[in-house]
PDB file of N, CA and C in Angstrom:
ATOM      1  N   MET A   1       0.842  -1.174   0.000  1.00  0.00           N
ATOM      2  CA  MET A   1       0.000   0.000   0.000  1.00  0.00           C
ATOM      3  C   MET A   1       0.892   1.245   0.000  1.00  0.00           C
ATOM      4  N   GLU A   2       0.525   2.211  -0.806  1.00  0.00           N
ATOM      5  CA  GLU A   2       1.291   3.447  -0.941  1.00  0.00           C
ATOM      6  C   GLU A   2       0.831   4.455   0.116  1.00  0.00           C
ATOM      7  N   SER A   3       1.791   5.146   0.739  1.00  0.00           N
ATOM      8  CA  SER A   3       1.436   6.136   1.747  1.00  0.00           C
ATOM      9  C   SER A   3       0.841   7.377   1.089  1.00  0.00           C
ATOM     10  N   LEU A   4       0.142   8.153   1.874  1.00  0.00           N
ATOM     11  CA  LEU A   4      -0.446   9.389   1.366  1.00  0.00           C
ATOM     12  C   LEU A   4       0.643  10.336   0.861  1.00  0.00           C
ATOM     13  N   GLN A   5       1.771  10.376   1.560  1.00  0.00           N
ATOM     14  CA  GLN A   5       2.894  11.232   1.157  1.00  0.00           C
ATOM     15  C   GLN A   5       3.405  10.826  -0.230  1.00  0.00           C
ATOM     16  N   GLN A   6       3.586   9.542  -0.451  1.00  0.00           N
ATOM     17  CA  GLN A   6       4.054   9.057  -1.752  1.00  0.00           C
ATOM     18  C   GLN A   6       3.040   9.353  -2.850  1.00  0.00           C
ATOM     19  N   THR A   7       1.771   9.188  -2.529  1.00  0.00           N
ATOM     20  CA  THR A   7       0.722   9.468  -3.507  1.00  0.00           C
ATOM     21  C   THR A   7       0.713  10.951  -3.869  1.00  0.00           C
ATOM     22  N   ALA A   8       0.849  11.812  -2.873  1.00  0.00           N
ATOM     23  CA  ALA A   8       0.858  13.257  -3.121  1.00  0.00           C
ATOM     24  C   ALA A   8       2.006  13.644  -4.041  1.00  0.00           C
ATOM     25  N   VAL A   9       3.193  13.112  -3.778  1.00  0.00           N
ATOM     26  CA  VAL A   9       4.352  13.421  -4.622  1.00  0.00           C
ATOM     27  C   VAL A   9       4.118  12.926  -6.046  1.00  0.00           C
ATOM     28  N   ARG A  10       3.599  11.724  -6.193  1.00  0.00           N
ATOM     29  CA  ARG A  10       3.368  11.146  -7.519  1.00  0.00           C
ATOM     30  C   ARG A  10       2.303  11.913  -8.303  1.00  0.00           C
ATOM     31  N   VAL A  11       1.234  12.315  -7.637  1.00  0.00           N
ATOM     32  CA  VAL A  11       0.128  12.982  -8.316  1.00  0.00           C
ATOM     33  C   VAL A  11       0.422  14.465  -8.580  1.00  0.00           C
ATOM     34  N   LEU A  12       1.028  15.132  -7.616  1.00  0.00           N
ATOM     35  CA  LEU A  12       1.251  16.576  -7.762  1.00  0.00           C
ATOM     36  C   LEU A  12       2.424  16.921  -8.674  1.00  0.00           C
ATOM     37  N   GLY A  13       3.358  16.003  -8.847  1.00  0.00           N
ATOM     38  CA  GLY A  13       4.513  16.269  -9.706  1.00  0.00           C
ATOM     39  C   GLY A  13       4.131  16.752 -11.095  1.00  0.00           C
ATOM     40  N   PRO A  14       3.290  16.014 -11.819  1.00  0.00           N
ATOM     41  CA  PRO A  14       2.896  16.471 -13.158  1.00  0.00           C
ATOM     42  C   PRO A  14       2.137  17.805 -13.142  1.00  0.00           C
ATOM     43  N   LEU A  15       1.352  18.039 -12.110  1.00  0.00           N
ATOM     44  CA  LEU A  15       0.619  19.306 -12.017  1.00  0.00           C
ATOM     45  C   LEU A  15       1.563  20.484 -11.802  1.00  0.00           C
ATOM     46  N   LEU A  16       2.577  20.279 -10.985  1.00  0.00           N
ATOM     47  CA  LEU A  16       3.545  21.346 -10.722  1.00  0.00           C
ATOM     48  C   LEU A  16       4.432  21.616 -11.935  1.00  0.00           C
ATOM     49  N   ASP A  17       4.661  20.606 -12.751  1.00  0.00           N
ATOM     50  CA  ASP A  17       5.489  20.779 -13.954  1.00  0.00           C
ATOM     51  C   ASP A  17       4.952  21.875 -14.864  1.00  0.00           C
ATOM     52  N   ALA A  18       3.649  22.039 -14.878  1.00  0.00           N
ATOM     53  CA  ALA A  18       3.021  23.009 -15.771  1.00  0.00           C
ATOM     54  C   ALA A  18       3.165  24.449 -15.268  1.00  0.00           C
ATOM     55  N   GLN A  19       3.593  24.621 -14.034  1.00  0.00           N
ATOM     56  CA  GLN A  19       3.706  25.958 -13.442  1.00  0.00           C
ATOM     57  C   GLN A  19       5.146  26.463 -13.522  1.00  0.00           C
ATOM     58  N   PRO A  20       5.332  27.779 -13.675  1.00  0.00           N
ATOM     59  CA  PRO A  20       6.696  28.311 -13.695  1.00  0.00           C
ATOM     60  C   PRO A  20       7.343  28.186 -12.313  1.00  0.00           C
ATOM     61  N   LEU A  21       8.644  28.029 -12.311  1.00  0.00           N
ATOM     62  CA  LEU A  21       9.377  27.913 -11.060  1.00  0.00           C
ATOM     63  C   LEU A  21       9.372  29.268 -10.361  1.00  0.00           C
ATOM     64  N   SER A  22       8.909  29.287  -9.127  1.00  0.00           N
ATOM     65  CA  SER A  22       8.815  30.522  -8.354  1.00  0.00           C
ATOM     66  C   SER A  22       9.000  30.194  -6.876  1.00  0.00           C
ATOM     67  N   PRO A  23       9.254  31.207  -6.041  1.00  0.00           N
ATOM     68  CA  PRO A  23       9.363  30.939  -4.603  1.00  0.00           C
ATOM     69  C   PRO A  23       8.094  30.288  -4.035  1.00  0.00           C
ATOM     70  N   GLY A  24       6.927  30.699  -4.518  1.00  0.00           N
ATOM     71  CA  GLY A  24       5.679  30.097  -4.038  1.00  0.00           C
ATOM     72  C   GLY A  24       5.555  28.636  -4.407  1.00  0.00           C
ATOM     73  N   LYS A  25       5.954  28.291  -5.623  1.00  0.00           N
ATOM     74  CA  LYS A  25       5.903  26.898  -6.074  1.00  0.00           C
ATOM     75  C   LYS A  25       6.864  26.047  -5.245  1.00  0.00           C
ATOM     76  N   VAL A  26       8.046  26.561  -4.980  1.00  0.00           N
ATOM     77  CA  VAL A  26       9.028  25.815  -4.185  1.00  0.00           C
ATOM     78  C   VAL A  26       8.542  25.666  -2.747  1.00  0.00           C
ATOM     79  N   ALA A  27       7.947  26.716  -2.178  1.00  0.00           N
ATOM     80  CA  ALA A  27       7.418  26.622  -0.812  1.00  0.00           C
ATOM     81  C   ALA A  27       6.302  25.579  -0.729  1.00  0.00           C
ATOM     82  N   PHE A  28       5.440  25.546  -1.741  1.00  0.00           N
ATOM     83  CA  PHE A  28       4.383  24.541  -1.776  1.00  0.00           C
ATOM     84  C   PHE A  28       4.974  23.135  -1.874  1.00  0.00           C
ATOM     85  N   ALA A  29       5.949  22.975  -2.765  1.00  0.00           N
ATOM     86  CA  ALA A  29       6.606  21.672  -2.912  1.00  0.00           C
ATOM     87  C   ALA A  29       7.293  21.262  -1.620  1.00  0.00           C
ATOM     88  N   TRP A  30       7.875  22.223  -0.914  1.00  0.00           N
ATOM     89  CA  TRP A  30       8.516  21.924   0.381  1.00  0.00           C
ATOM     90  C   TRP A  30       7.486  21.358   1.360  1.00  0.00           C
ATOM     91  N   THR A  31       6.323  21.961   1.417  1.00  0.00           N
ATOM     92  CA  THR A  31       5.277  21.498   2.325  1.00  0.00           C
ATOM     93  C   THR A  31       4.897  20.052   2.028  1.00  0.00           C
ATOM     94  N   ILE A  32       4.774  19.711   0.758  1.00  0.00           N
ATOM     95  CA  ILE A  32       4.433  18.345   0.366  1.00  0.00           C
ATOM     96  C   ILE A  32       5.594  17.400   0.634  1.00  0.00           C
ATOM     97  N   ALA A  33       6.812  17.793   0.231  1.00  0.00           N
ATOM     98  CA  ALA A  33       7.981  16.920   0.346  1.00  0.00           C
ATOM     99  C   ALA A  33       8.388  16.682   1.798  1.00  0.00           C
ATOM    100  N   ALA A  34       8.295  17.705   2.624  1.00  0.00           N
ATOM    101  CA  ALA A  34       8.729  17.576   4.019  1.00  0.00           C
ATOM    102  C   ALA A  34       7.690  16.880   4.884  1.00  0.00           C
ATOM    103  N   GLY A  35       6.436  16.989   4.504  1.00  0.00           N
ATOM    104  CA  GLY A  35       5.380  16.403   5.313  1.00  0.00           C
ATOM    105  C   GLY A  35       4.890  17.396   6.355  1.00  0.00           C
ATOM    106  N   PRO A  36       3.792  17.065   7.026  1.00  0.00           N
ATOM    107  CA  PRO A  36       3.153  18.024   7.921  1.00  0.00           C
ATOM    108  C   PRO A  36       4.020  18.494   9.091  1.00  0.00           C
ATOM    109  N   ALA A  37       4.662  17.584   9.779  1.00  0.00           N
ATOM    110  CA  ALA A  37       5.425  17.970  10.970  1.00  0.00           C
ATOM    111  C   ALA A  37       6.644  18.816  10.621  1.00  0.00           C
ATOM    112  N   LEU A  38       7.448  18.347   9.678  1.00  0.00           N
ATOM    113  CA  LEU A  38       8.647  19.101   9.315  1.00  0.00           C
ATOM    114  C   LEU A  38       8.312  20.440   8.670  1.00  0.00           C
ATOM    115  N   SER A  39       7.256  20.483   7.881  1.00  0.00           N
ATOM    116  CA  SER A  39       6.919  21.754   7.235  1.00  0.00           C
ATOM    117  C   SER A  39       6.400  22.777   8.244  1.00  0.00           C
ATOM    118  N   ARG A  40       5.695  22.311   9.276  1.00  0.00           N
ATOM    119  CA  ARG A  40       5.244  23.246  10.314  1.00  0.00           C
ATOM    120  C   ARG A  40       6.397  23.752  11.163  1.00  0.00           C
ATOM    121  N   ALA A  41       7.448  22.962  11.286  1.00  0.00           N
ATOM    122  CA  ALA A  41       8.588  23.325  12.129  1.00  0.00           C
ATOM    123  C   ALA A  41       9.683  24.043  11.359  1.00  0.00           C
ATOM    124  N   SER A  42       9.403  24.465  10.122  1.00  0.00           N
ATOM    125  CA  SER A  42      10.435  25.094   9.301  1.00  0.00           C
ATOM    126  C   SER A  42       9.835  26.156   8.385  1.00  0.00           C
ATOM    127  N   THR A  43      10.726  27.028   7.931  1.00  0.00           N
ATOM    128  CA  THR A  43      10.333  28.068   6.985  1.00  0.00           C
ATOM    129  C   THR A  43      11.292  28.026   5.800  1.00  0.00           C
ATOM    130  N   PRO A  44      10.777  27.743   4.593  1.00  0.00           N
ATOM    131  CA  PRO A  44      11.642  27.677   3.416  1.00  0.00           C
ATOM    132  C   PRO A  44      11.764  29.034   2.721  1.00  0.00           C
ATOM    133  N   THR A  45      12.948  29.299   2.193  1.00  0.00           N
ATOM    134  CA  THR A  45      13.182  30.462   1.347  1.00  0.00           C
ATOM    135  C   THR A  45      14.020  29.987   0.170  1.00  0.00           C
ATOM    136  N   TRP A  46      13.520  30.197  -1.038  1.00  0.00           N
ATOM    137  CA  TRP A  46      14.205  29.740  -2.247  1.00  0.00           C
ATOM    138  C   TRP A  46      14.709  30.934  -3.030  1.00  0.00           C
ATOM    139  N   THR A  47      15.891  30.795  -3.629  1.00  0.00           N
ATOM    140  CA  THR A  47      16.434  31.832  -4.493  1.00  0.00           C
ATOM    141  C   THR A  47      16.607  31.254  -5.899  1.00  0.00           C
ATOM    142  N   PRO A  48      16.527  32.105  -6.921  1.00  0.00           N
ATOM    143  CA  PRO A  48      16.608  31.612  -8.300  1.00  0.00           C
ATOM    144  C   PRO A  48      17.910  30.885  -8.658  1.00  0.00           C
ATOM    145  N   ASP A  49      18.949  31.012  -7.830  1.00  0.00           N
ATOM    146  CA  ASP A  49      20.182  30.277  -8.114  1.00  0.00           C
ATOM    147  C   ASP A  49      20.095  28.813  -7.675  1.00  0.00           C
ATOM    148  N   GLY A  50      18.923  28.411  -7.127  1.00  0.00           N
ATOM    149  CA  GLY A  50      18.714  27.021  -6.740  1.00  0.00           C
ATOM    150  C   GLY A  50      18.987  26.719  -5.284  1.00  0.00           C
ATOM    151  N   THR A  51      19.202  27.741  -4.481  1.00  0.00           N
ATOM    152  CA  THR A  51      19.459  27.535  -3.058  1.00  0.00           C
ATOM    153  C   THR A  51      18.150  27.562  -2.285  1.00  0.00           C
ATOM    154  N   LEU A  52      17.931  26.544  -1.490  1.00  0.00           N
ATOM    155  CA  LEU A  52      16.765  26.471  -0.622  1.00  0.00           C
ATOM    156  C   LEU A  52      17.263  26.563   0.811  1.00  0.00           C
ATOM    157  N   ARG A  53      16.922  27.661   1.459  1.00  0.00           N
ATOM    158  CA  ARG A  53      17.303  27.858   2.868  1.00  0.00           C
ATOM    159  C   ARG A  53      16.109  27.479   3.735  1.00  0.00           C
ATOM    160  N   ILE A  54      16.362  26.581   4.658  1.00  0.00           N
ATOM    161  CA  ILE A  54      15.331  26.111   5.558  1.00  0.00           C
ATOM    162  C   ILE A  54      15.684  26.579   6.965  1.00  0.00           C
ATOM    163  N   ARG A  55      14.794  27.358   7.536  1.00  0.00           N
ATOM    164  CA  ARG A  55      15.010  27.813   8.909  1.00  0.00           C
ATOM    165  C   ARG A  55      14.182  26.946   9.844  1.00  0.00           C
ATOM    166  N   ALA A  56      14.868  26.206  10.708  1.00  0.00           N
ATOM    167  CA  ALA A  56      14.205  25.307  11.651  1.00  0.00           C
ATOM    168  C   ALA A  56      13.741  26.092  12.870  1.00  0.00           C
ATOM    169  N   ARG A  57      12.656  25.632  13.474  1.00  0.00           N
ATOM    170  CA  ARG A  57      12.106  26.290  14.656  1.00  0.00           C
ATOM    171  C   ARG A  57      13.103  26.293  15.815  1.00  0.00           C
ATOM    172  N   ASP A  58      13.856  25.209  15.986  1.00  0.00           N
ATOM    173  CA  ASP A  58      14.840  25.122  17.062  1.00  0.00           C
ATOM    174  C   ASP A  58      15.860  24.036  16.721  1.00  0.00           C
ATOM    175  N   ALA A  59      16.792  23.788  17.640  1.00  0.00           N
ATOM    176  CA  ALA A  59      17.879  22.836  17.390  1.00  0.00           C
ATOM    177  C   ALA A  59      17.371  21.406  17.186  1.00  0.00           C
ATOM    178  N   VAL A  60      16.340  21.029  17.907  1.00  0.00           N
ATOM    179  CA  VAL A  60      15.786  19.680  17.766  1.00  0.00           C
ATOM    180  C   VAL A  60      15.224  19.484  16.357  1.00  0.00           C
ATOM    181  N   TRP A  61      14.465  20.457  15.878  1.00  0.00           N
ATOM    182  CA  TRP A  61      13.912  20.348  14.531  1.00  0.00           C
ATOM    183  C   TRP A  61      14.997  20.449  13.479  1.00  0.00           C
ATOM    184  N   ARG A  62      16.039  21.200  13.760  1.00  0.00           N
ATOM    185  CA  ARG A  62      17.156  21.256  12.807  1.00  0.00           C
ATOM    186  C   ARG A  62      17.768  19.868  12.630  1.00  0.00           C
ATOM    187  N   THR A  63      17.943  19.158  13.732  1.00  0.00           N
ATOM    188  CA  THR A  63      18.469  17.794  13.670  1.00  0.00           C
ATOM    189  C   THR A  63      17.544  16.891  12.865  1.00  0.00           C
ATOM    190  N   GLU A  64      16.249  16.999  13.092  1.00  0.00           N
ATOM    191  CA  GLU A  64      15.285  16.182  12.355  1.00  0.00           C
ATOM    192  C   GLU A  64      15.307  16.515  10.866  1.00  0.00           C
ATOM    193  N   LEU A  65      15.434  17.788  10.542  1.00  0.00           N
ATOM    194  CA  LEU A  65      15.515  18.190   9.136  1.00  0.00           C
ATOM    195  C   LEU A  65      16.780  17.648   8.482  1.00  0.00           C
ATOM    196  N   GLN A  66      17.885  17.665   9.208  1.00  0.00           N
ATOM    197  CA  GLN A  66      19.141  17.107   8.673  1.00  0.00           C
ATOM    198  C   GLN A  66      18.980  15.614   8.397  1.00  0.00           C
ATOM    199  N   ARG A  67      18.330  14.913   9.307  1.00  0.00           N
ATOM    200  CA  ARG A  67      18.116  13.469   9.123  1.00  0.00           C
ATOM    201  C   ARG A  67      17.218  13.176   7.931  1.00  0.00           C
ATOM    202  N   ALA A  68      16.233  14.020   7.720  1.00  0.00           N
ATOM    203  CA  ALA A  68      15.262  13.790   6.645  1.00  0.00           C
ATOM    204  C   ALA A  68      15.721  14.353   5.304  1.00  0.00           C
ATOM    205  N   ARG A  69      16.835  15.054   5.275  1.00  0.00           N
ATOM    206  CA  ARG A  69      17.292  15.737   4.059  1.00  0.00           C
ATOM    207  C   ARG A  69      17.328  14.831   2.823  1.00  0.00           C
ATOM    208  N   PRO A  70      17.912  13.624   2.868  1.00  0.00           N
ATOM    209  CA  PRO A  70      17.958  12.793   1.650  1.00  0.00           C
ATOM    210  C   PRO A  70      16.561  12.470   1.096  1.00  0.00           C
ATOM    211  N   MET A  71      15.645  12.136   1.982  1.00  0.00           N
ATOM    212  CA  MET A  71      14.290  11.790   1.552  1.00  0.00           C
ATOM    213  C   MET A  71      13.575  13.020   0.979  1.00  0.00           C
ATOM    214  N   VAL A  72      13.690  14.144   1.664  1.00  0.00           N
ATOM    215  CA  VAL A  72      13.024  15.370   1.218  1.00  0.00           C
ATOM    216  C   VAL A  72      13.637  15.852  -0.099  1.00  0.00           C
ATOM    217  N   THR A  73      14.943  15.740  -0.231  1.00  0.00           N
ATOM    218  CA  THR A  73      15.612  16.141  -1.469  1.00  0.00           C
ATOM    219  C   THR A  73      15.111  15.318  -2.650  1.00  0.00           C
ATOM    220  N   GLU A  74      14.955  14.030  -2.452  1.00  0.00           N
ATOM    221  CA  GLU A  74      14.440  13.159  -3.518  1.00  0.00           C
ATOM    222  C   GLU A  74      13.016  13.550  -3.900  1.00  0.00           C
ATOM    223  N   ARG A  75      12.187  13.819  -2.907  1.00  0.00           N
ATOM    224  CA  ARG A  75      10.806  14.215  -3.191  1.00  0.00           C
ATOM    225  C   ARG A  75      10.758  15.558  -3.925  1.00  0.00           C
ATOM    226  N   LEU A  76      11.595  16.511  -3.502  1.00  0.00           N
ATOM    227  CA  LEU A  76      11.643  17.805  -4.184  1.00  0.00           C
ATOM    228  C   LEU A  76      12.059  17.638  -5.640  1.00  0.00           C
ATOM    229  N   SER A  77      12.998  16.742  -5.873  1.00  0.00           N
ATOM    230  CA  SER A  77      13.450  16.476  -7.238  1.00  0.00           C
ATOM    231  C   SER A  77      12.304  15.944  -8.096  1.00  0.00           C
ATOM    232  N   HIS A  78      11.470  15.078  -7.523  1.00  0.00           N
ATOM    233  CA  HIS A  78      10.313  14.548  -8.260  1.00  0.00           C
ATOM    234  C   HIS A  78       9.272  15.633  -8.512  1.00  0.00           C
ATOM    235  N   LEU A  79       9.095  16.522  -7.538  1.00  0.00           N
ATOM    236  CA  LEU A  79       8.070  17.554  -7.660  1.00  0.00           C
ATOM    237  C   LEU A  79       8.485  18.719  -8.552  1.00  0.00           C
ATOM    238  N   LEU A  80       9.768  19.114  -8.473  1.00  0.00           N
ATOM    239  CA  LEU A  80      10.219  20.326  -9.143  1.00  0.00           C
ATOM    240  C   LEU A  80      11.169  20.092 -10.304  1.00  0.00           C
ATOM    241  N   GLY A  81      11.685  18.892 -10.411  1.00  0.00           N
ATOM    242  CA  GLY A  81      12.707  18.604 -11.406  1.00  0.00           C
ATOM    243  C   GLY A  81      14.075  18.557 -10.733  1.00  0.00           C
ATOM    244  N   PRO A  82      15.014  17.867 -11.352  1.00  0.00           N
ATOM    245  CA  PRO A  82      16.307  17.622 -10.702  1.00  0.00           C
ATOM    246  C   PRO A  82      17.198  18.851 -10.526  1.00  0.00           C
ATOM    247  N   SER A  83      16.948  19.918 -11.262  1.00  0.00           N
ATOM    248  CA  SER A  83      17.846  21.071 -11.153  1.00  0.00           C
ATOM    249  C   SER A  83      17.230  22.277 -10.463  1.00  0.00           C
ATOM    250  N   ALA A  84      16.010  22.174  -9.979  1.00  0.00           N
ATOM    251  CA  ALA A  84      15.354  23.326  -9.350  1.00  0.00           C
ATOM    252  C   ALA A  84      16.005  23.684  -8.017  1.00  0.00           C
ATOM    253  N   VAL A  85      16.260  22.681  -7.201  1.00  0.00           N
ATOM    254  CA  VAL A  85      16.919  22.902  -5.906  1.00  0.00           C
ATOM    255  C   VAL A  85      18.297  22.270  -5.997  1.00  0.00           C
ATOM    256  N   ARG A  86      19.302  23.120  -6.042  1.00  0.00           N
ATOM    257  CA  ARG A  86      20.677  22.625  -6.177  1.00  0.00           C
ATOM    258  C   ARG A  86      21.391  22.477  -4.858  1.00  0.00           C
ATOM    259  N   ARG A  87      20.918  23.250  -3.861  1.00  0.00           N
ATOM    260  CA  ARG A  87      21.573  23.215  -2.553  1.00  0.00           C
ATOM    261  C   ARG A  87      20.530  23.504  -1.485  1.00  0.00           C
ATOM    262  N   ILE A  88      20.614  22.774  -0.382  1.00  0.00           N
ATOM    263  CA  ILE A  88      19.731  23.000   0.754  1.00  0.00           C
ATOM    264  C   ILE A  88      20.597  23.373   1.948  1.00  0.00           C
ATOM    265  N   ILE A  89      20.274  24.507   2.547  1.00  0.00           N
ATOM    266  CA  ILE A  89      20.989  24.978   3.739  1.00  0.00           C
ATOM    267  C   ILE A  89      19.968  25.006   4.877  1.00  0.00           C
ATOM    268  N   ILE A  90      20.277  24.291   5.946  1.00  0.00           N
ATOM    269  CA  ILE A  90      19.360  24.219   7.090  1.00  0.00           C
ATOM    270  C   ILE A  90      19.980  24.999   8.236  1.00  0.00           C
ATOM    271  N   THR A  91      19.240  25.996   8.729  1.00  0.00           N
ATOM    272  CA  THR A  91      19.700  26.821   9.842  1.00  0.00           C
ATOM    273  C   THR A  91      18.666  26.817  10.951  1.00  0.00           C
ATOM    274  N   GLU A  92      19.040  27.405  12.053  1.00  0.00           N
ATOM    275  CA  GLU A  92      18.137  27.494  13.198  1.00  0.00           C
ATOM    276  C   GLU A  92      17.716  28.910  13.404  1.00  0.00           C
TER     277      GLU A  92
END
């Protein structure tokens, strides 16, 4: 059985492809890719050079974001394309 998170990434990817790359699109993709808990505990900021800065609510959430980075990066790649987010910087 496929999880809701996996289904969302699979279904929303083609829909997002039709939209131009923008900070709003990346923030939306972050919410889907990170999931409810991580997205509530963080604030994404994207720049056109491909840098995604994630500000964690505190040190504990920063650690959780670091642990989840590979999974979230893969989901972002599916949602936005492989070159949209080139670097992720996680701060507190």
